[in-house]
Amino acid sequence: MPTAELFDQIKKTHAPLIVAAVQTAQNPSLRAEFDKALLLSEQNGWGDLVKAIRKILDGDRNENLSRGLDDEDASIVIAILQGLQNPASLPDPEQKADASQAAPMLAGMIHQAARGDVNALTLLSQMAEQMSQTSGDMAQLSAIIKPLVDGERDVDRLMAKMGPSGESLITGIVSELAKLDSH
């Protein structure tokens, strides 16, 4: 299970999915529409997560549904289950993940992955896969995750195709990595 900080970041990142899953579990008339979104997620490589969400929609509320899932998927499942028990725990689907926390969070995961942490490497690769399907700075970030894990720290090389917000994120990641690498 990830740290509380990472869990909160994952909840914020996947807030629309988490909230939609809770709403669908509470209102079965939404299921047909939500199943379309789940089918797309399944086709994009999120099969294990979709299987767990479908079990929740079918009434299973056992936290063991998160077993065997990677940290990100397990966090999503746990957030859905918590949301069903306590709607006040649900993240705001309109609030974006805190960008100021993105650099330290990504740097921490990159640092852990570079040191052989399989969970961190798996989570990073899944994030990179998702980001690669977008455009702009996020797509560019997906392309430099592996070089960062492999030890690349040349900011100019890393920011080659980034816009201003991406450059700021890369600068923050490299700065955080310098702190982590010095310990």
N, C-alpha and C. Protein backbone atom coordinates (compact mmCIF):
# COMPACT_ATOMS: atom_id res chain seq x y z
N MET A 1 0.85 -1.18 0.00
CA MET A 1 0.00 0.00 0.00
C MET A 1 0.89 1.24 0.00
N PRO A 2 0.54 2.23 -0.80
CA PRO A 2 1.36 3.44 -0.86
C PRO A 2 1.24 4.27 0.42
N THR A 3 2.10 5.26 0.54
CA THR A 3 2.02 6.18 1.67
C THR A 3 0.69 6.93 1.62
N ALA A 4 0.32 7.53 2.73
CA ALA A 4 -0.93 8.30 2.79
C ALA A 4 -0.91 9.44 1.78
N GLU A 5 0.26 10.06 1.62
CA GLU A 5 0.41 11.17 0.67
C GLU A 5 0.16 10.69 -0.77
N LEU A 6 0.75 9.56 -1.13
CA LEU A 6 0.57 9.02 -2.47
C LEU A 6 -0.87 8.54 -2.66
N PHE A 7 -1.45 7.94 -1.62
CA PHE A 7 -2.84 7.50 -1.69
C PHE A 7 -3.75 8.68 -2.00
N ASP A 8 -3.53 9.80 -1.30
CA ASP A 8 -4.34 11.00 -1.55
C ASP A 8 -4.14 11.51 -2.97
N GLN A 9 -2.91 11.48 -3.46
CA GLN A 9 -2.62 11.95 -4.81
C GLN A 9 -3.33 11.05 -5.84
N ILE A 10 -3.30 9.74 -5.60
CA ILE A 10 -3.97 8.79 -6.52
C ILE A 10 -5.48 9.05 -6.49
N LYS A 11 -6.03 9.27 -5.30
CA LYS A 11 -7.47 9.57 -5.18
C LYS A 11 -7.84 10.82 -5.98
N LYS A 12 -7.03 11.86 -5.86
CA LYS A 12 -7.31 13.09 -6.58
C LYS A 12 -7.19 12.89 -8.08
N THR A 13 -6.17 12.16 -8.49
CA THR A 13 -5.95 11.91 -9.91
C THR A 13 -7.10 11.14 -10.54
N HIS A 14 -7.64 10.18 -9.80
CA HIS A 14 -8.70 9.31 -10.33
C HIS A 14 -10.07 9.64 -9.74
N ALA A 15 -10.23 10.86 -9.24
CA ALA A 15 -11.48 11.26 -8.59
C ALA A 15 -12.71 11.02 -9.46
N PRO A 16 -12.71 11.39 -10.75
CA PRO A 16 -13.92 11.16 -11.54
C PRO A 16 -14.33 9.68 -11.59
N LEU A 17 -13.35 8.79 -11.74
CA LEU A 17 -13.64 7.36 -11.77
C LEU A 17 -14.18 6.88 -10.42
N ILE A 18 -13.54 7.29 -9.35
CA ILE A 18 -13.93 6.87 -8.00
C ILE A 18 -15.36 7.33 -7.70
N VAL A 19 -15.63 8.59 -7.95
CA VAL A 19 -16.96 9.15 -7.68
C VAL A 19 -18.02 8.48 -8.56
N ALA A 20 -17.70 8.28 -9.82
CA ALA A 20 -18.66 7.63 -10.74
C ALA A 20 -18.95 6.20 -10.29
N ALA A 21 -17.93 5.49 -9.83
CA ALA A 21 -18.13 4.12 -9.36
C ALA A 21 -19.04 4.09 -8.14
N VAL A 22 -18.83 5.01 -7.20
CA VAL A 22 -19.67 5.08 -6.00
C VAL A 22 -21.10 5.44 -6.39
N GLN A 23 -21.26 6.43 -7.25
CA GLN A 23 -22.61 6.84 -7.68
C GLN A 23 -23.33 5.69 -8.39
N THR A 24 -22.59 4.95 -9.20
CA THR A 24 -23.19 3.82 -9.92
C THR A 24 -23.56 2.70 -8.97
N ALA A 25 -22.71 2.44 -7.99
CA ALA A 25 -23.02 1.40 -7.00
C ALA A 25 -24.28 1.77 -6.21
N GLN A 26 -24.49 3.05 -5.97
CA GLN A 26 -25.65 3.50 -5.21
C GLN A 26 -26.89 3.69 -6.08
N ASN A 27 -26.69 3.80 -7.40
CA ASN A 27 -27.81 4.02 -8.31
C ASN A 27 -27.62 3.13 -9.53
N PRO A 28 -28.11 1.88 -9.46
CA PRO A 28 -27.89 0.93 -10.55
C PRO A 28 -28.37 1.39 -11.93
N SER A 29 -29.25 2.38 -11.99
CA SER A 29 -29.71 2.86 -13.30
C SER A 29 -28.58 3.52 -14.08
N LEU A 30 -27.48 3.87 -13.41
CA LEU A 30 -26.33 4.46 -14.08
C LEU A 30 -25.37 3.41 -14.65
N ARG A 31 -25.63 2.15 -14.36
CA ARG A 31 -24.68 1.08 -14.68
C ARG A 31 -24.40 0.95 -16.18
N ALA A 32 -25.41 1.02 -17.02
CA ALA A 32 -25.20 0.83 -18.46
C ALA A 32 -24.22 1.87 -19.01
N GLU A 33 -24.39 3.12 -18.60
CA GLU A 33 -23.49 4.18 -19.07
C GLU A 33 -22.09 4.00 -18.50
N PHE A 34 -22.00 3.65 -17.22
CA PHE A 34 -20.70 3.47 -16.57
C PHE A 34 -19.97 2.26 -17.16
N ASP A 35 -20.72 1.23 -17.55
CA ASP A 35 -20.09 0.06 -18.15
C ASP A 35 -19.35 0.41 -19.45
N LYS A 36 -19.85 1.41 -20.17
CA LYS A 36 -19.15 1.85 -21.39
C LYS A 36 -17.77 2.40 -21.04
N ALA A 37 -17.71 3.19 -19.98
CA ALA A 37 -16.42 3.75 -19.54
C ALA A 37 -15.50 2.63 -19.04
N LEU A 38 -16.08 1.66 -18.34
CA LEU A 38 -15.27 0.54 -17.85
C LEU A 38 -14.72 -0.29 -19.00
N LEU A 39 -15.50 -0.45 -20.05
CA LEU A 39 -15.04 -1.20 -21.22
C LEU A 39 -13.83 -0.52 -21.84
N LEU A 40 -13.87 0.80 -21.96
CA LEU A 40 -12.72 1.55 -22.49
C LEU A 40 -11.50 1.38 -21.59
N SER A 41 -11.72 1.46 -20.28
CA SER A 41 -10.61 1.28 -19.34
C SER A 41 -10.02 -0.12 -19.47
N GLU A 42 -10.87 -1.08 -19.62
CA GLU A 42 -10.42 -2.47 -19.79
C GLU A 42 -9.58 -2.62 -21.07
N GLN A 43 -10.02 -1.99 -22.14
CA GLN A 43 -9.30 -2.06 -23.41
C GLN A 43 -7.96 -1.33 -23.33
N ASN A 44 -7.83 -0.38 -22.38
CA ASN A 44 -6.59 0.36 -22.21
C ASN A 44 -5.67 -0.27 -21.17
N GLY A 45 -5.91 -1.53 -20.83
CA GLY A 45 -4.99 -2.25 -19.97
C GLY A 45 -5.33 -2.23 -18.49
N TRP A 46 -6.50 -1.80 -18.13
CA TRP A 46 -6.88 -1.73 -16.72
C TRP A 46 -7.83 -2.89 -16.35
N GLY A 47 -7.62 -4.04 -16.95
CA GLY A 47 -8.52 -5.18 -16.77
C GLY A 47 -8.72 -5.62 -15.33
N ASP A 48 -7.64 -5.70 -14.56
CA ASP A 48 -7.77 -6.15 -13.16
C ASP A 48 -8.56 -5.14 -12.34
N LEU A 49 -8.31 -3.85 -12.56
CA LEU A 49 -9.05 -2.82 -11.84
C LEU A 49 -10.52 -2.88 -12.22
N VAL A 50 -10.83 -3.00 -13.50
CA VAL A 50 -12.21 -3.04 -13.96
C VAL A 50 -12.93 -4.24 -13.36
N LYS A 51 -12.24 -5.38 -13.30
CA LYS A 51 -12.84 -6.58 -12.71
C LYS A 51 -13.22 -6.32 -11.25
N ALA A 52 -12.33 -5.66 -10.50
CA ALA A 52 -12.61 -5.34 -9.09
C ALA A 52 -13.77 -4.35 -8.98
N ILE A 53 -13.80 -3.35 -9.84
CA ILE A 53 -14.89 -2.37 -9.79
C ILE A 53 -16.22 -3.04 -10.11
N ARG A 54 -16.22 -3.93 -11.08
CA ARG A 54 -17.47 -4.64 -11.41
C ARG A 54 -17.96 -5.48 -10.24
N LYS A 55 -17.04 -6.07 -9.49
CA LYS A 55 -17.44 -6.84 -8.29
C LYS A 55 -18.07 -5.90 -7.26
N ILE A 56 -17.51 -4.71 -7.11
CA ILE A 56 -18.08 -3.73 -6.18
C ILE A 56 -19.49 -3.35 -6.64
N LEU A 57 -19.64 -3.12 -7.94
CA LEU A 57 -20.96 -2.75 -8.48
C LEU A 57 -21.97 -3.88 -8.30
N ASP A 58 -21.46 -5.11 -8.24
CA ASP A 58 -22.33 -6.27 -8.04
C ASP A 58 -22.62 -6.52 -6.56
N GLY A 59 -22.07 -5.66 -5.68
CA GLY A 59 -22.39 -5.76 -4.26
C GLY A 59 -21.27 -6.21 -3.35
N ASP A 60 -20.14 -6.62 -3.88
CA ASP A 60 -19.02 -7.07 -3.06
C ASP A 60 -18.37 -5.85 -2.40
N ARG A 61 -18.24 -5.87 -1.09
CA ARG A 61 -17.64 -4.75 -0.36
C ARG A 61 -16.40 -5.18 0.43
N ASN A 62 -15.84 -6.32 0.09
CA ASN A 62 -14.70 -6.86 0.80
C ASN A 62 -13.42 -6.15 0.37
N GLU A 63 -12.64 -5.65 1.35
CA GLU A 63 -11.39 -4.95 1.03
C GLU A 63 -10.36 -5.88 0.37
N ASN A 64 -10.59 -7.18 0.43
CA ASN A 64 -9.69 -8.13 -0.23
C ASN A 64 -9.73 -7.97 -1.75
N LEU A 65 -10.70 -7.21 -2.26
CA LEU A 65 -10.76 -6.95 -3.69
C LEU A 65 -9.50 -6.25 -4.17
N SER A 66 -8.81 -5.57 -3.27
CA SER A 66 -7.60 -4.84 -3.65
C SER A 66 -6.36 -5.73 -3.66
N ARG A 67 -6.47 -6.93 -3.13
CA ARG A 67 -5.32 -7.85 -3.12
C ARG A 67 -4.94 -8.26 -4.52
N GLY A 68 -3.66 -8.30 -4.75
CA GLY A 68 -3.16 -8.71 -6.06
C GLY A 68 -3.10 -7.58 -7.07
N LEU A 69 -3.63 -6.41 -6.70
CA LEU A 69 -3.58 -5.26 -7.60
C LEU A 69 -2.33 -4.45 -7.29
N ASP A 70 -1.85 -3.69 -8.28
CA ASP A 70 -0.73 -2.80 -8.01
C ASP A 70 -1.22 -1.67 -7.09
N ASP A 71 -0.29 -0.87 -6.58
CA ASP A 71 -0.64 0.16 -5.61
C ASP A 71 -1.68 1.14 -6.12
N GLU A 72 -1.57 1.54 -7.38
CA GLU A 72 -2.51 2.52 -7.92
C GLU A 72 -3.91 1.93 -8.00
N ASP A 73 -4.04 0.74 -8.58
CA ASP A 73 -5.35 0.10 -8.70
C ASP A 73 -5.93 -0.20 -7.33
N ALA A 74 -5.10 -0.71 -6.41
CA ALA A 74 -5.57 -1.01 -5.06
C ALA A 74 -6.07 0.25 -4.37
N SER A 75 -5.37 1.35 -4.56
CA SER A 75 -5.79 2.62 -3.95
C SER A 75 -7.14 3.06 -4.48
N ILE A 76 -7.36 2.88 -5.78
CA ILE A 76 -8.64 3.25 -6.38
C ILE A 76 -9.76 2.39 -5.79
N VAL A 77 -9.53 1.10 -5.69
CA VAL A 77 -10.54 0.19 -5.13
C VAL A 77 -10.84 0.56 -3.68
N ILE A 78 -9.81 0.80 -2.90
CA ILE A 78 -10.02 1.17 -1.49
C ILE A 78 -10.76 2.50 -1.38
N ALA A 79 -10.43 3.47 -2.24
CA ALA A 79 -11.12 4.76 -2.23
C ALA A 79 -12.60 4.59 -2.57
N ILE A 80 -12.91 3.70 -3.50
CA ILE A 80 -14.32 3.44 -3.85
C ILE A 80 -15.04 2.83 -2.65
N LEU A 81 -14.41 1.83 -2.03
CA LEU A 81 -15.03 1.18 -0.87
C LEU A 81 -15.22 2.16 0.28
N GLN A 82 -14.22 3.00 0.52
CA GLN A 82 -14.34 4.01 1.57
C GLN A 82 -15.44 5.01 1.23
N GLY A 83 -15.55 5.37 -0.04
CA GLY A 83 -16.58 6.30 -0.47
C GLY A 83 -17.98 5.75 -0.28
N LEU A 84 -18.12 4.44 -0.45
CA LEU A 84 -19.42 3.80 -0.23
C LEU A 84 -19.78 3.82 1.26
N GLN A 85 -18.78 3.65 2.12
CA GLN A 85 -19.02 3.66 3.56
C GLN A 85 -19.20 5.08 4.10
N ASN A 86 -18.43 6.01 3.54
CA ASN A 86 -18.44 7.38 4.03
C ASN A 86 -18.30 8.34 2.85
N PRO A 87 -19.40 8.82 2.31
CA PRO A 87 -19.34 9.71 1.15
C PRO A 87 -18.47 10.95 1.37
N ALA A 88 -18.26 11.36 2.61
CA ALA A 88 -17.42 12.53 2.88
C ALA A 88 -15.95 12.25 2.54
N SER A 89 -15.58 10.98 2.41
CA SER A 89 -14.20 10.63 2.07
C SER A 89 -13.92 10.73 0.58
N LEU A 90 -14.96 10.93 -0.23
CA LEU A 90 -14.78 10.98 -1.68
C LEU A 90 -14.00 12.22 -2.09
N PRO A 91 -13.10 12.06 -3.06
CA PRO A 91 -12.38 13.23 -3.57
C PRO A 91 -13.31 14.07 -4.45
N ASP A 92 -12.97 15.33 -4.58
CA ASP A 92 -13.74 16.24 -5.43
C ASP A 92 -13.33 15.98 -6.88
N PRO A 93 -14.26 15.52 -7.73
CA PRO A 93 -13.88 15.20 -9.11
C PRO A 93 -13.49 16.43 -9.93
N GLU A 94 -13.82 17.63 -9.44
CA GLU A 94 -13.46 18.86 -10.15
C GLU A 94 -12.09 19.38 -9.77
N GLN A 95 -11.58 18.90 -8.62
CA GLN A 95 -10.28 19.38 -8.13
C GLN A 95 -9.18 18.56 -8.78
N LYS A 96 -8.24 19.24 -9.36
CA LYS A 96 -7.10 18.57 -9.98
C LYS A 96 -6.10 18.20 -8.91
N ALA A 97 -5.28 17.19 -9.20
CA ALA A 97 -4.22 16.80 -8.28
C ALA A 97 -3.29 17.99 -8.07
N ASP A 98 -2.76 18.12 -6.88
CA ASP A 98 -1.91 19.24 -6.51
C ASP A 98 -0.59 19.17 -7.28
N ALA A 99 -0.42 20.10 -8.23
CA ALA A 99 0.78 20.10 -9.06
C ALA A 99 2.04 20.30 -8.25
N SER A 100 1.94 21.02 -7.12
CA SER A 100 3.13 21.24 -6.31
C SER A 100 3.60 19.96 -5.65
N GLN A 101 2.71 18.98 -5.55
CA GLN A 101 3.09 17.69 -4.98
C GLN A 101 3.52 16.70 -6.06
N ALA A 102 3.28 17.03 -7.31
CA ALA A 102 3.61 16.10 -8.39
C ALA A 102 5.11 15.86 -8.49
N ALA A 103 5.92 16.92 -8.43
CA ALA A 103 7.38 16.76 -8.57
C ALA A 103 7.95 15.90 -7.45
N PRO A 104 7.66 16.20 -6.17
CA PRO A 104 8.20 15.35 -5.11
C PRO A 104 7.69 13.91 -5.19
N MET A 105 6.40 13.75 -5.54
CA MET A 105 5.84 12.40 -5.63
C MET A 105 6.52 11.62 -6.75
N LEU A 106 6.62 12.23 -7.93
CA LEU A 106 7.27 11.54 -9.06
C LEU A 106 8.74 11.29 -8.78
N ALA A 107 9.42 12.26 -8.19
CA ALA A 107 10.84 12.08 -7.87
C ALA A 107 11.01 10.93 -6.89
N GLY A 108 10.14 10.85 -5.89
CA GLY A 108 10.22 9.74 -4.93
C GLY A 108 10.04 8.39 -5.60
N MET A 109 9.07 8.32 -6.50
CA MET A 109 8.83 7.06 -7.20
C MET A 109 10.00 6.73 -8.13
N ILE A 110 10.53 7.72 -8.82
CA ILE A 110 11.67 7.52 -9.72
C ILE A 110 12.88 7.05 -8.91
N HIS A 111 13.11 7.68 -7.78
CA HIS A 111 14.23 7.31 -6.90
C HIS A 111 14.08 5.86 -6.44
N GLN A 112 12.88 5.49 -6.00
CA GLN A 112 12.63 4.12 -5.54
C GLN A 112 12.81 3.12 -6.69
N ALA A 113 12.28 3.46 -7.85
CA ALA A 113 12.39 2.56 -9.01
C ALA A 113 13.85 2.37 -9.41
N ALA A 114 14.62 3.44 -9.36
CA ALA A 114 16.04 3.36 -9.74
C ALA A 114 16.81 2.47 -8.77
N ARG A 115 16.28 2.31 -7.58
CA ARG A 115 16.94 1.48 -6.57
C ARG A 115 16.36 0.07 -6.52
N GLY A 116 15.55 -0.25 -7.52
CA GLY A 116 15.06 -1.63 -7.64
C GLY A 116 13.69 -1.91 -7.06
N ASP A 117 12.96 -0.90 -6.63
CA ASP A 117 11.62 -1.11 -6.08
C ASP A 117 10.66 -1.45 -7.22
N VAL A 118 10.25 -2.70 -7.27
CA VAL A 118 9.42 -3.20 -8.37
C VAL A 118 8.05 -2.51 -8.38
N ASN A 119 7.48 -2.28 -7.20
CA ASN A 119 6.17 -1.61 -7.15
C ASN A 119 6.24 -0.21 -7.73
N ALA A 120 7.29 0.53 -7.36
CA ALA A 120 7.44 1.90 -7.89
C ALA A 120 7.64 1.86 -9.40
N LEU A 121 8.44 0.93 -9.87
CA LEU A 121 8.69 0.81 -11.31
C LEU A 121 7.40 0.46 -12.06
N THR A 122 6.63 -0.44 -11.50
CA THR A 122 5.36 -0.83 -12.12
C THR A 122 4.40 0.35 -12.18
N LEU A 123 4.28 1.07 -11.07
CA LEU A 123 3.39 2.21 -11.03
C LEU A 123 3.84 3.29 -12.02
N LEU A 124 5.13 3.55 -12.07
CA LEU A 124 5.66 4.53 -13.03
C LEU A 124 5.37 4.11 -14.47
N SER A 125 5.55 2.84 -14.76
CA SER A 125 5.31 2.40 -16.14
C SER A 125 3.84 2.52 -16.51
N GLN A 126 2.95 2.26 -15.56
CA GLN A 126 1.53 2.42 -15.82
C GLN A 126 1.17 3.89 -16.02
N MET A 127 1.76 4.74 -15.20
CA MET A 127 1.52 6.18 -15.35
C MET A 127 2.04 6.66 -16.70
N ALA A 128 3.23 6.20 -17.07
CA ALA A 128 3.81 6.61 -18.36
C ALA A 128 2.92 6.14 -19.51
N GLU A 129 2.39 4.95 -19.39
CA GLU A 129 1.50 4.43 -20.44
C GLU A 129 0.27 5.31 -20.59
N GLN A 130 -0.33 5.70 -19.46
CA GLN A 130 -1.50 6.57 -19.51
C GLN A 130 -1.14 7.94 -20.09
N MET A 131 -0.02 8.49 -19.65
CA MET A 131 0.39 9.81 -20.11
C MET A 131 0.72 9.79 -21.60
N SER A 132 1.23 8.69 -22.09
CA SER A 132 1.60 8.60 -23.51
C SER A 132 0.38 8.68 -24.41
N GLN A 133 -0.78 8.41 -23.87
CA GLN A 133 -2.01 8.45 -24.66
C GLN A 133 -2.64 9.85 -24.66
N THR A 134 -1.98 10.79 -24.02
CA THR A 134 -2.46 12.17 -24.01
C THR A 134 -1.63 12.97 -25.01
N SER A 135 -1.66 14.27 -24.86
CA SER A 135 -0.84 15.11 -25.74
C SER A 135 -0.12 16.15 -24.90
N GLY A 136 0.72 16.92 -25.52
CA GLY A 136 1.41 18.01 -24.84
C GLY A 136 2.46 17.52 -23.86
N ASP A 137 2.60 18.29 -22.76
CA ASP A 137 3.64 18.02 -21.79
C ASP A 137 3.52 16.64 -21.14
N MET A 138 2.29 16.18 -20.91
CA MET A 138 2.13 14.87 -20.28
C MET A 138 2.66 13.76 -21.18
N ALA A 139 2.40 13.86 -22.46
CA ALA A 139 2.94 12.86 -23.40
C ALA A 139 4.46 12.92 -23.41
N GLN A 140 5.01 14.13 -23.37
CA GLN A 140 6.47 14.28 -23.35
C GLN A 140 7.05 13.73 -22.05
N LEU A 141 6.35 13.96 -20.95
CA LEU A 141 6.82 13.43 -19.65
C LEU A 141 6.87 11.91 -19.69
N SER A 142 5.91 11.30 -20.33
CA SER A 142 5.90 9.83 -20.40
C SER A 142 7.17 9.32 -21.08
N ALA A 143 7.69 10.09 -22.02
CA ALA A 143 8.88 9.66 -22.77
C ALA A 143 10.17 9.81 -21.98
N ILE A 144 10.15 10.60 -20.90
CA ILE A 144 11.40 10.78 -20.16
C ILE A 144 11.42 10.07 -18.80
N ILE A 145 10.35 9.34 -18.48
CA ILE A 145 10.33 8.60 -17.22
C ILE A 145 11.49 7.59 -17.17
N LYS A 146 11.64 6.80 -18.22
CA LYS A 146 12.71 5.79 -18.22
C LYS A 146 14.09 6.42 -18.12
N PRO A 147 14.39 7.46 -18.92
CA PRO A 147 15.70 8.10 -18.74
C PRO A 147 15.92 8.62 -17.31
N LEU A 148 14.87 9.14 -16.69
CA LEU A 148 15.02 9.61 -15.31
C LEU A 148 15.34 8.44 -14.37
N VAL A 149 14.63 7.33 -14.54
CA VAL A 149 14.91 6.14 -13.72
C VAL A 149 16.34 5.66 -13.97
N ASP A 150 16.78 5.76 -15.22
CA ASP A 150 18.13 5.31 -15.58
C ASP A 150 19.23 6.28 -15.15
N GLY A 151 18.85 7.43 -14.56
CA GLY A 151 19.84 8.35 -14.01
C GLY A 151 20.06 9.63 -14.77
N GLU A 152 19.32 9.87 -15.84
CA GLU A 152 19.47 11.12 -16.60
C GLU A 152 19.06 12.31 -15.73
N ARG A 153 19.93 13.32 -15.64
CA ARG A 153 19.62 14.50 -14.84
C ARG A 153 19.91 15.80 -15.59
N ASP A 154 20.22 15.70 -16.88
CA ASP A 154 20.49 16.89 -17.70
C ASP A 154 19.15 17.55 -18.02
N VAL A 155 18.86 18.63 -17.31
CA VAL A 155 17.57 19.31 -17.43
C VAL A 155 17.30 19.76 -18.86
N ASP A 156 18.31 20.28 -19.53
CA ASP A 156 18.11 20.75 -20.91
C ASP A 156 17.68 19.61 -21.82
N ARG A 157 18.31 18.47 -21.67
CA ARG A 157 17.96 17.30 -22.49
C ARG A 157 16.55 16.81 -22.15
N LEU A 158 16.23 16.78 -20.86
CA LEU A 158 14.92 16.29 -20.43
C LEU A 158 13.78 17.20 -20.86
N MET A 159 14.04 18.52 -20.93
CA MET A 159 13.00 19.49 -21.26
C MET A 159 12.93 19.81 -22.75
N ALA A 160 13.61 19.08 -23.58
CA ALA A 160 13.75 19.42 -24.99
C ALA A 160 12.44 19.79 -25.68
N LYS A 161 11.37 19.08 -25.43
CA LYS A 161 10.12 19.32 -26.16
C LYS A 161 8.98 19.76 -25.23
N MET A 162 9.34 20.27 -24.06
CA MET A 162 8.35 20.65 -23.06
C MET A 162 7.91 22.10 -23.20
N GLY A 163 6.66 22.33 -22.79
CA GLY A 163 6.17 23.70 -22.66
C GLY A 163 6.54 24.23 -21.28
N PRO A 164 6.15 25.46 -20.96
CA PRO A 164 6.53 26.08 -19.68
C PRO A 164 6.11 25.28 -18.44
N SER A 165 4.90 24.76 -18.41
CA SER A 165 4.47 24.01 -17.22
C SER A 165 5.23 22.70 -17.11
N GLY A 166 5.51 22.06 -18.24
CA GLY A 166 6.30 20.83 -18.23
C GLY A 166 7.73 21.09 -17.79
N GLU A 167 8.28 22.22 -18.24
CA GLU A 167 9.64 22.58 -17.84
C GLU A 167 9.71 22.78 -16.33
N SER A 168 8.70 23.42 -15.77
CA SER A 168 8.66 23.64 -14.33
C SER A 168 8.59 22.31 -13.58
N LEU A 169 7.79 21.39 -14.08
CA LEU A 169 7.67 20.08 -13.45
C LEU A 169 9.00 19.33 -13.52
N ILE A 170 9.64 19.34 -14.69
CA ILE A 170 10.92 18.63 -14.84
C ILE A 170 11.97 19.23 -13.93
N THR A 171 12.03 20.55 -13.86
CA THR A 171 12.98 21.21 -12.97
C THR A 171 12.74 20.78 -11.52
N GLY A 172 11.46 20.72 -11.14
CA GLY A 172 11.11 20.27 -9.79
C GLY A 172 11.49 18.83 -9.53
N ILE A 173 11.25 17.96 -10.50
CA ILE A 173 11.60 16.54 -10.35
C ILE A 173 13.11 16.39 -10.19
N VAL A 174 13.87 17.03 -11.07
CA VAL A 174 15.34 16.90 -11.02
C VAL A 174 15.87 17.48 -9.70
N SER A 175 15.29 18.57 -9.25
CA SER A 175 15.70 19.17 -7.97
C SER A 175 15.44 18.20 -6.81
N GLU A 176 14.26 17.61 -6.80
CA GLU A 176 13.92 16.65 -5.75
C GLU A 176 14.81 15.41 -5.83
N LEU A 177 15.09 14.96 -7.05
CA LEU A 177 15.97 13.80 -7.21
C LEU A 177 17.37 14.09 -6.69
N ALA A 178 17.84 15.32 -6.89
CA ALA A 178 19.17 15.69 -6.38
C ALA A 178 19.20 15.56 -4.86
N LYS A 179 18.12 15.97 -4.20
CA LYS A 179 18.04 15.83 -2.74
C LYS A 179 18.04 14.36 -2.34
N LEU A 180 17.23 13.58 -3.03
CA LEU A 180 17.14 12.16 -2.70
C LEU A 180 18.43 11.40 -3.01
N ASP A 181 19.05 11.75 -4.13
CA ASP A 181 20.29 11.07 -4.53
C ASP A 181 21.45 11.38 -3.60
N SER A 182 21.37 12.53 -2.91
CA SER A 182 22.48 12.92 -2.03
C SER A 182 22.43 12.19 -0.68
N HIS A 183 21.33 11.53 -0.42
CA HIS A 183 21.20 10.82 0.87
C HIS A 183 21.67 9.40 0.76
